């Protein structure tokens, strides 16, 4: 009888986890932040306690898991709408190599040493720092690398979700008036994404993005 109860609980937990992950969205599966990971660990602990426990009804343990999933969904929405909150929770990417030059101060700030850098470069099939034009340490801990020979466009956004990214503007020595002039009369808050390339500004307004989505449908 006890074995049957455990089996039934495991089946319920299995399908509940599938539903929760579906509800929370692909971001939870494909791009786990430290905060996301902590929430999933808490859920896992509650599930294990619920499966083992015979003192309380099993649904007592399912309720907090469902509540946590709703809180996480709400929090993910707030992170999408509030960039400062997103940067605080998920952190920001770090530029380790810029225009072929090593950013030593940023490496010290992130407690990131040369061994770490070389290991990640070798994993990308790069044998020497001289091959790299840009290297960005993402918030996930993965390294994005752009080689000199590929002649990449500058991989730093200027506007994200209607907000100017001051660090990147300073990094690229761009003038804010020039940026506004490049927007063809549109306001910065109306821009979904903007990137500096070929001495001009490539940008996607919110409405243009929405129209593309509708056309694809």
Protein backbone atom coordinates (compact mmCIF):
# COMPACT_ATOMS: atom_id res chain seq x y z
CA UNK A 1 0.00 0.00 0.00
CA UNK A 2 2.79 2.42 0.89
CA UNK A 3 4.62 1.55 -2.32
CA UNK A 4 1.47 2.24 -4.34
CA UNK A 5 1.08 5.66 -2.68
CA UNK A 6 4.68 6.56 -3.52
CA UNK A 7 4.17 5.53 -7.15
CA UNK A 8 0.99 7.60 -7.42
CA UNK A 9 2.73 10.61 -5.86
CA UNK A 10 5.67 10.30 -8.27
CA UNK A 11 3.31 10.18 -11.25
CA UNK A 12 1.45 13.29 -9.99
CA UNK A 13 4.73 15.13 -9.41
CA UNK A 14 6.01 14.18 -12.86
CA UNK A 15 3.01 15.65 -14.68
CA UNK A 16 2.89 18.63 -12.33
CA UNK A 17 6.53 19.47 -13.13
CA UNK A 18 5.78 19.27 -16.86
CA UNK A 19 2.84 21.65 -16.45
CA UNK A 20 4.84 24.08 -14.29
CA UNK A 21 7.77 24.21 -16.71
CA UNK A 22 5.34 24.77 -19.58
CA UNK A 23 3.61 27.52 -17.60
CA UNK A 24 6.83 29.23 -16.57
CA UNK A 25 8.01 29.36 -20.19
CA UNK A 26 11.09 28.50 -22.25
CA UNK A 27 13.19 31.02 -20.36
CA UNK A 28 13.15 28.72 -17.34
CA UNK A 29 14.36 25.75 -19.41
CA UNK A 30 16.86 27.34 -21.76
CA UNK A 31 18.28 30.20 -19.72
CA UNK A 32 18.35 29.49 -16.02
CA UNK A 33 19.62 32.32 -13.85
CA UNK A 34 20.82 31.74 -10.31
CA UNK A 35 17.44 32.92 -9.06
CA UNK A 36 15.56 30.53 -11.36
CA UNK A 37 17.81 27.67 -10.29
CA UNK A 38 17.21 28.44 -6.61
CA UNK A 39 13.42 28.43 -7.07
CA UNK A 40 13.53 25.09 -8.91
CA UNK A 41 15.68 23.59 -6.14
CA UNK A 42 13.15 24.77 -3.53
CA UNK A 43 10.34 23.17 -5.54
CA UNK A 44 12.32 19.93 -5.81
CA UNK A 45 12.90 19.85 -2.03
CA UNK A 46 9.18 20.38 -1.34
CA UNK A 47 8.30 17.58 -3.77
CA UNK A 48 10.72 15.15 -2.12
CA UNK A 49 9.35 15.95 1.35
CA UNK A 50 5.80 15.51 0.04
CA UNK A 51 6.56 12.10 -1.47
CA UNK A 52 8.24 10.85 1.72
CA UNK A 53 5.74 12.31 4.19
CA UNK A 54 2.78 10.33 5.54
CA UNK A 55 1.78 12.87 8.21
CA UNK A 56 0.04 15.42 5.99
CA UNK A 57 -2.16 15.11 2.88
CA UNK A 58 -0.07 15.15 -0.30
CA UNK A 59 -1.88 18.16 -1.76
CA UNK A 60 -0.54 20.25 1.14
CA UNK A 61 2.85 20.03 -0.57
CA UNK A 62 1.49 20.70 -4.06
CA UNK A 63 -0.08 24.04 -3.09
CA UNK A 64 3.22 25.84 -2.25
CA UNK A 65 4.77 24.52 -5.46
CA UNK A 66 1.92 25.96 -7.54
CA UNK A 67 2.14 29.26 -5.63
CA UNK A 68 5.89 29.42 -6.27
CA UNK A 69 5.34 28.87 -9.99
CA UNK A 70 2.88 31.79 -10.12
CA UNK A 71 5.27 34.02 -8.18
CA UNK A 72 8.09 33.09 -10.55
CA UNK A 73 5.90 33.81 -13.58
CA UNK A 74 5.01 37.24 -12.17
CA UNK A 75 8.64 37.92 -11.34
CA UNK A 76 9.73 36.95 -14.87
CA UNK A 77 7.19 39.47 -16.23
CA UNK A 78 8.60 42.20 -13.95
CA UNK A 79 12.15 41.37 -15.07
CA UNK A 80 11.04 41.78 -18.68
CA UNK A 81 9.53 45.21 -17.99
CA UNK A 82 12.11 46.60 -15.55
CA UNK A 83 15.70 46.39 -16.90
CA UNK A 84 17.29 47.59 -13.63
CA UNK A 85 15.59 44.79 -11.73
CA UNK A 86 16.67 42.31 -14.41
CA UNK A 87 20.28 43.45 -14.12
CA UNK A 88 20.16 43.14 -10.33
CA UNK A 89 18.70 39.62 -10.36
CA UNK A 90 20.26 38.07 -13.47
CA UNK A 91 23.41 40.20 -13.54
CA UNK A 92 24.99 41.73 -16.66
CA UNK A 93 27.29 40.39 -19.29
CA UNK A 94 30.98 41.28 -18.93
CA UNK A 95 33.22 42.39 -21.80
CA UNK A 96 36.46 40.45 -21.40
CA UNK A 97 38.05 41.32 -24.75
CA UNK A 98 37.20 44.52 -26.63
CA UNK A 99 38.71 45.26 -30.05
CA UNK A 100 41.39 42.65 -29.43
CA UNK A 101 42.44 44.09 -26.06
CA UNK A 102 42.11 42.22 -22.78
CA UNK A 103 39.92 43.94 -20.15
CA UNK A 104 41.94 43.13 -17.03
CA UNK A 105 39.87 45.31 -14.67
CA UNK A 106 36.63 43.55 -15.66
CA UNK A 107 38.28 40.16 -15.20
CA UNK A 108 39.32 41.09 -11.65
CA UNK A 109 35.82 42.40 -10.95
CA UNK A 110 34.30 39.06 -11.99
CA UNK A 111 37.03 36.95 -10.31
CA UNK A 112 37.77 35.61 -13.76
CA UNK A 113 41.36 34.51 -14.39
CA UNK A 114 43.42 33.71 -17.49
CA UNK A 115 42.97 29.97 -16.99
CA UNK A 116 39.19 30.41 -17.13
CA UNK A 117 39.48 32.48 -20.30
CA UNK A 118 41.84 30.11 -22.10
CA UNK A 119 39.73 27.07 -21.23
CA UNK A 120 36.60 28.69 -22.68
CA UNK A 121 38.45 29.89 -25.78
CA UNK A 122 39.84 26.42 -26.42
CA UNK A 123 36.31 25.05 -26.11
CA UNK A 124 35.42 27.39 -28.99
CA UNK A 125 38.32 26.06 -31.08
CA UNK A 126 40.48 29.17 -30.53
CA UNK A 127 44.14 28.58 -29.76
CA UNK A 128 45.36 32.16 -29.28
CA UNK A 129 44.04 35.44 -27.89
CA UNK A 130 45.33 37.12 -31.03
CA UNK A 131 42.44 35.57 -32.97
CA UNK A 132 39.76 37.27 -30.85
CA UNK A 133 38.17 40.65 -31.56
CA UNK A 134 35.44 40.50 -28.90
CA UNK A 135 34.79 38.12 -26.01
CA UNK A 136 31.76 38.51 -23.79
CA UNK A 137 31.16 36.59 -20.57
CA UNK A 138 27.39 36.07 -20.53
CA UNK A 139 25.26 36.05 -17.37
CA UNK A 140 24.91 32.27 -17.79
CA UNK A 141 28.70 31.89 -17.46
CA UNK A 142 29.16 30.96 -21.13
CA UNK A 143 31.58 32.87 -23.33
CA UNK A 144 30.52 34.48 -26.62
CA UNK A 145 33.51 34.91 -28.93
CA UNK A 146 33.86 36.89 -32.17
CA UNK A 147 36.99 36.35 -34.22
CA UNK A 148 38.93 39.09 -36.01
CA UNK A 149 38.91 37.18 -39.30
CA UNK A 150 35.12 37.04 -39.31
CA UNK A 151 34.86 40.86 -39.40
CA UNK A 152 31.87 40.82 -37.04
CA UNK A 153 29.48 43.68 -36.54
CA UNK A 154 29.95 45.26 -33.12
CA UNK A 155 28.01 42.91 -30.79
CA UNK A 156 26.84 45.54 -28.30
CA UNK A 157 23.23 46.79 -28.34
CA UNK A 158 22.66 50.53 -27.95
CA UNK A 159 18.95 50.40 -27.08
CA UNK A 160 17.07 47.54 -25.45
CA UNK A 161 13.34 47.67 -24.67
CA UNK A 162 13.19 51.44 -25.10
CA UNK A 163 16.16 52.21 -22.84
CA UNK A 164 19.60 53.53 -23.78
CA UNK A 165 22.44 51.30 -22.60
CA UNK A 166 24.81 53.91 -21.22
CA UNK A 167 27.77 51.56 -20.74
CA UNK A 168 27.80 50.51 -24.38
CA UNK A 169 27.33 54.08 -25.62
CA UNK A 170 30.39 55.16 -23.65
CA UNK A 171 32.31 52.07 -24.73
CA UNK A 172 31.73 52.87 -28.42
CA UNK A 173 32.20 56.64 -27.90
CA UNK A 174 28.82 57.42 -29.46
CA UNK A 175 27.01 60.74 -29.14
CA UNK A 176 23.41 60.62 -27.87
CA UNK A 177 22.33 63.35 -30.29
CA UNK A 178 23.70 61.29 -33.17
CA UNK A 179 21.74 58.27 -31.92
CA UNK A 180 18.50 60.26 -31.78
CA UNK A 181 19.08 61.63 -35.29
CA UNK A 182 19.52 58.08 -36.58
CA UNK A 183 16.06 57.05 -35.31
CA UNK A 184 14.24 58.92 -38.11
CA UNK A 185 12.00 60.88 -35.78
CA UNK A 186 11.11 57.95 -33.52
CA UNK A 187 11.49 58.21 -29.76
CA UNK A 188 13.96 56.06 -27.87
CA UNK A 189 11.18 54.49 -25.78
CA UNK A 190 9.53 53.32 -29.03
CA UNK A 191 12.59 51.26 -30.01
CA UNK A 192 12.64 47.56 -29.20
CA UNK A 193 16.29 47.06 -30.20
CA UNK A 194 19.09 49.12 -31.74
CA UNK A 195 22.61 48.11 -32.70
CA UNK A 196 25.57 50.12 -34.03
CA UNK A 197 27.01 48.71 -37.25
CA UNK A 198 28.71 50.02 -40.40
CA UNK A 199 28.83 53.53 -38.87
CA UNK A 200 25.05 53.68 -38.71
CA UNK A 201 22.28 52.55 -36.37
CA UNK A 202 20.23 49.46 -37.11
CA UNK A 203 17.00 49.48 -35.10
CA UNK A 204 13.64 47.74 -34.73
CA UNK A 205 10.66 49.77 -33.44
CA UNK A 206 8.09 48.04 -31.27
CA UNK A 207 5.33 48.33 -33.87
CA UNK A 208 7.54 47.03 -36.66
CA UNK A 209 8.36 43.97 -34.57
CA UNK A 210 4.69 43.37 -33.83
CA UNK A 211 3.75 43.71 -37.51
CA UNK A 212 6.38 41.13 -38.49
CA UNK A 213 4.97 38.69 -35.97
CA UNK A 214 1.45 39.19 -37.30
CA UNK A 215 2.59 38.65 -40.89
CA UNK A 216 4.35 35.42 -39.93
CA UNK A 217 1.13 34.16 -38.43
